[in-house]
Amino acid sequence: MRVVSEIDGLGSKNDEQNRETAVFKRLKEQNREVLLHQGVRFAFRVHQVQKNLVSSSLFLTDRG
């Protein structure tokens, strides 16, 4: 009886570990999505700033 309860205890630990592993995989996936989103936002902002700098530099050279 003791052996059976220990084996059952080990099985539940594996189930818990599998659940934790699934949770960690999902968190890792969510972090990857967040980082990708932040990277796209950053690239868009850099593009906007660069576009404004080129526009203003062209305006300044045309005035001179």
N, C-alpha and C. Protein backbone atom coordinates (compact mmCIF):
# COMPACT_ATOMS: atom_id res chain seq x y z
N MET A 1 0.83 -1.19 0.00
CA MET A 1 0.00 0.00 0.00
C MET A 1 0.87 1.26 0.00
N ARG A 2 1.94 1.23 0.76
CA ARG A 2 2.82 2.38 0.83
C ARG A 2 3.46 2.66 -0.53
N VAL A 3 3.88 1.63 -1.21
CA VAL A 3 4.50 1.79 -2.52
C VAL A 3 3.52 2.41 -3.51
N VAL A 4 2.28 1.96 -3.47
CA VAL A 4 1.27 2.50 -4.37
C VAL A 4 1.04 3.98 -4.11
N SER A 5 0.98 4.37 -2.85
CA SER A 5 0.77 5.79 -2.54
C SER A 5 1.98 6.63 -2.95
N GLU A 6 3.17 6.09 -2.83
CA GLU A 6 4.37 6.83 -3.26
C GLU A 6 4.39 6.98 -4.78
N ILE A 7 4.00 5.93 -5.48
CA ILE A 7 3.95 6.01 -6.95
C ILE A 7 2.89 7.03 -7.38
N ASP A 8 1.75 7.00 -6.71
CA ASP A 8 0.71 7.99 -7.01
C ASP A 8 1.22 9.40 -6.73
N GLY A 9 1.97 9.56 -5.64
CA GLY A 9 2.55 10.86 -5.31
C GLY A 9 3.52 11.32 -6.38
N LEU A 10 4.31 10.42 -6.89
CA LEU A 10 5.24 10.77 -7.96
C LEU A 10 4.50 11.15 -9.23
N GLY A 11 3.43 10.46 -9.52
CA GLY A 11 2.64 10.78 -10.71
C GLY A 11 2.05 12.17 -10.62
N SER A 12 1.58 12.55 -9.46
CA SER A 12 1.00 13.88 -9.33
C SER A 12 2.08 14.95 -9.44
N LYS A 13 3.29 14.65 -8.98
CA LYS A 13 4.37 15.62 -9.15
C LYS A 13 4.67 15.82 -10.62
N ASN A 14 4.67 14.73 -11.38
CA ASN A 14 4.91 14.86 -12.81
C ASN A 14 3.81 15.67 -13.48
N ASP A 15 2.57 15.44 -13.06
CA ASP A 15 1.47 16.22 -13.61
C ASP A 15 1.64 17.70 -13.27
N GLU A 16 2.03 17.97 -12.03
CA GLU A 16 2.26 19.36 -11.64
C GLU A 16 3.41 19.96 -12.43
N GLN A 17 4.47 19.19 -12.61
CA GLN A 17 5.60 19.68 -13.39
C GLN A 17 5.18 19.94 -14.83
N ASN A 18 4.37 19.04 -15.38
CA ASN A 18 3.89 19.25 -16.75
C ASN A 18 3.03 20.50 -16.84
N ARG A 19 2.18 20.71 -15.83
CA ARG A 19 1.35 21.91 -15.81
C ARG A 19 2.23 23.15 -15.71
N GLU A 20 3.23 23.09 -14.82
CA GLU A 20 4.13 24.23 -14.68
C GLU A 20 4.90 24.47 -15.97
N THR A 21 5.34 23.39 -16.58
CA THR A 21 6.07 23.54 -17.83
C THR A 21 5.18 24.18 -18.89
N ALA A 22 3.94 23.78 -18.97
CA ALA A 22 3.01 24.37 -19.93
C ALA A 22 2.78 25.85 -19.62
N VAL A 23 2.68 26.18 -18.34
CA VAL A 23 2.50 27.58 -17.95
C VAL A 23 3.73 28.39 -18.33
N PHE A 24 4.91 27.85 -18.05
CA PHE A 24 6.13 28.58 -18.38
C PHE A 24 6.29 28.73 -19.89
N LYS A 25 5.90 27.72 -20.65
CA LYS A 25 5.96 27.83 -22.11
C LYS A 25 5.03 28.93 -22.60
N ARG A 26 3.83 28.99 -22.01
CA ARG A 26 2.87 30.04 -22.41
C ARG A 26 3.39 31.42 -22.04
N LEU A 27 3.98 31.54 -20.85
CA LEU A 27 4.55 32.83 -20.45
C LEU A 27 5.68 33.25 -21.38
N LYS A 28 6.51 32.28 -21.74
CA LYS A 28 7.61 32.56 -22.65
C LYS A 28 7.08 33.03 -24.01
N GLU A 29 6.02 32.38 -24.47
CA GLU A 29 5.40 32.76 -25.74
C GLU A 29 4.80 34.16 -25.65
N GLN A 30 4.15 34.46 -24.52
CA GLN A 30 3.58 35.80 -24.34
C GLN A 30 4.68 36.84 -24.28
N ASN A 31 5.79 36.54 -23.59
CA ASN A 31 6.91 37.48 -23.54
C ASN A 31 7.47 37.74 -24.92
N ARG A 32 7.57 36.68 -25.73
CA ARG A 32 8.08 36.82 -27.09
C ARG A 32 7.16 37.73 -27.90
N GLU A 33 5.84 37.57 -27.73
CA GLU A 33 4.88 38.41 -28.45
C GLU A 33 4.99 39.86 -28.01
N VAL A 34 5.16 40.08 -26.71
CA VAL A 34 5.28 41.44 -26.19
C VAL A 34 6.55 42.09 -26.73
N LEU A 35 7.66 41.36 -26.72
CA LEU A 35 8.92 41.91 -27.23
C LEU A 35 8.83 42.22 -28.72
N LEU A 36 8.16 41.35 -29.47
CA LEU A 36 7.98 41.61 -30.90
C LEU A 36 7.16 42.87 -31.11
N HIS A 37 6.09 43.02 -30.34
CA HIS A 37 5.23 44.20 -30.45
C HIS A 37 6.02 45.47 -30.11
N GLN A 38 6.81 45.41 -29.04
CA GLN A 38 7.61 46.57 -28.66
C GLN A 38 8.64 46.90 -29.73
N GLY A 39 9.22 45.87 -30.34
CA GLY A 39 10.20 46.10 -31.41
C GLY A 39 9.58 46.77 -32.61
N VAL A 40 8.37 46.35 -32.97
CA VAL A 40 7.68 46.96 -34.11
C VAL A 40 7.33 48.41 -33.79
N ARG A 41 6.85 48.66 -32.58
CA ARG A 41 6.53 50.04 -32.19
C ARG A 41 7.77 50.92 -32.22
N PHE A 42 8.90 50.39 -31.72
CA PHE A 42 10.14 51.15 -31.72
C PHE A 42 10.59 51.46 -33.15
N ALA A 43 10.53 50.46 -34.02
CA ALA A 43 10.93 50.67 -35.41
C ALA A 43 10.05 51.72 -36.08
N PHE A 44 8.75 51.68 -35.79
CA PHE A 44 7.85 52.67 -36.37
C PHE A 44 8.19 54.08 -35.88
N ARG A 45 8.47 54.19 -34.58
CA ARG A 45 8.82 55.52 -34.04
C ARG A 45 10.11 56.04 -34.64
N VAL A 46 11.10 55.17 -34.77
CA VAL A 46 12.37 55.57 -35.38
C VAL A 46 12.13 56.02 -36.81
N HIS A 47 11.29 55.30 -37.53
CA HIS A 47 10.96 55.67 -38.90
C HIS A 47 10.29 57.05 -38.95
N GLN A 48 9.38 57.31 -38.02
CA GLN A 48 8.69 58.61 -38.00
C GLN A 48 9.67 59.73 -37.69
N VAL A 49 10.55 59.51 -36.73
CA VAL A 49 11.53 60.55 -36.37
C VAL A 49 12.47 60.79 -37.54
N GLN A 50 12.93 59.72 -38.17
CA GLN A 50 13.84 59.86 -39.30
C GLN A 50 13.16 60.60 -40.44
N LYS A 51 11.90 60.30 -40.67
CA LYS A 51 11.14 60.97 -41.73
C LYS A 51 11.01 62.46 -41.43
N ASN A 52 10.74 62.81 -40.18
CA ASN A 52 10.63 64.21 -39.79
C ASN A 52 11.97 64.93 -39.90
N LEU A 53 13.06 64.25 -39.56
CA LEU A 53 14.38 64.87 -39.65
C LEU A 53 14.76 65.14 -41.11
N VAL A 54 14.45 64.20 -41.98
CA VAL A 54 14.74 64.40 -43.40
C VAL A 54 13.90 65.55 -43.95
N SER A 55 12.64 65.61 -43.57
CA SER A 55 11.76 66.68 -44.04
C SER A 55 12.26 68.03 -43.56
N SER A 56 12.63 68.11 -42.28
CA SER A 56 13.08 69.40 -41.75
C SER A 56 14.43 69.78 -42.32
N SER A 57 15.32 68.82 -42.56
CA SER A 57 16.62 69.16 -43.13
C SER A 57 16.47 69.63 -44.58
N LEU A 58 15.54 69.03 -45.32
CA LEU A 58 15.28 69.49 -46.68
C LEU A 58 14.70 70.90 -46.67
N PHE A 59 13.83 71.17 -45.70
CA PHE A 59 13.24 72.50 -45.57
C PHE A 59 14.33 73.53 -45.28
N LEU A 60 15.26 73.18 -44.40
CA LEU A 60 16.34 74.11 -44.03
C LEU A 60 17.28 74.34 -45.21
N THR A 61 17.58 73.32 -45.98
CA THR A 61 18.50 73.50 -47.12
C THR A 61 17.83 74.28 -48.23
N ASP A 62 16.51 74.17 -48.39
CA ASP A 62 15.82 74.93 -49.42
C ASP A 62 15.75 76.41 -49.08
N ARG A 63 15.73 76.73 -47.79
CA ARG A 63 15.63 78.12 -47.37
C ARG A 63 16.94 78.87 -47.61
N GLY A 64 18.05 78.16 -47.52
CA GLY A 64 19.37 78.78 -47.56
C GLY A 64 19.73 79.23 -48.89
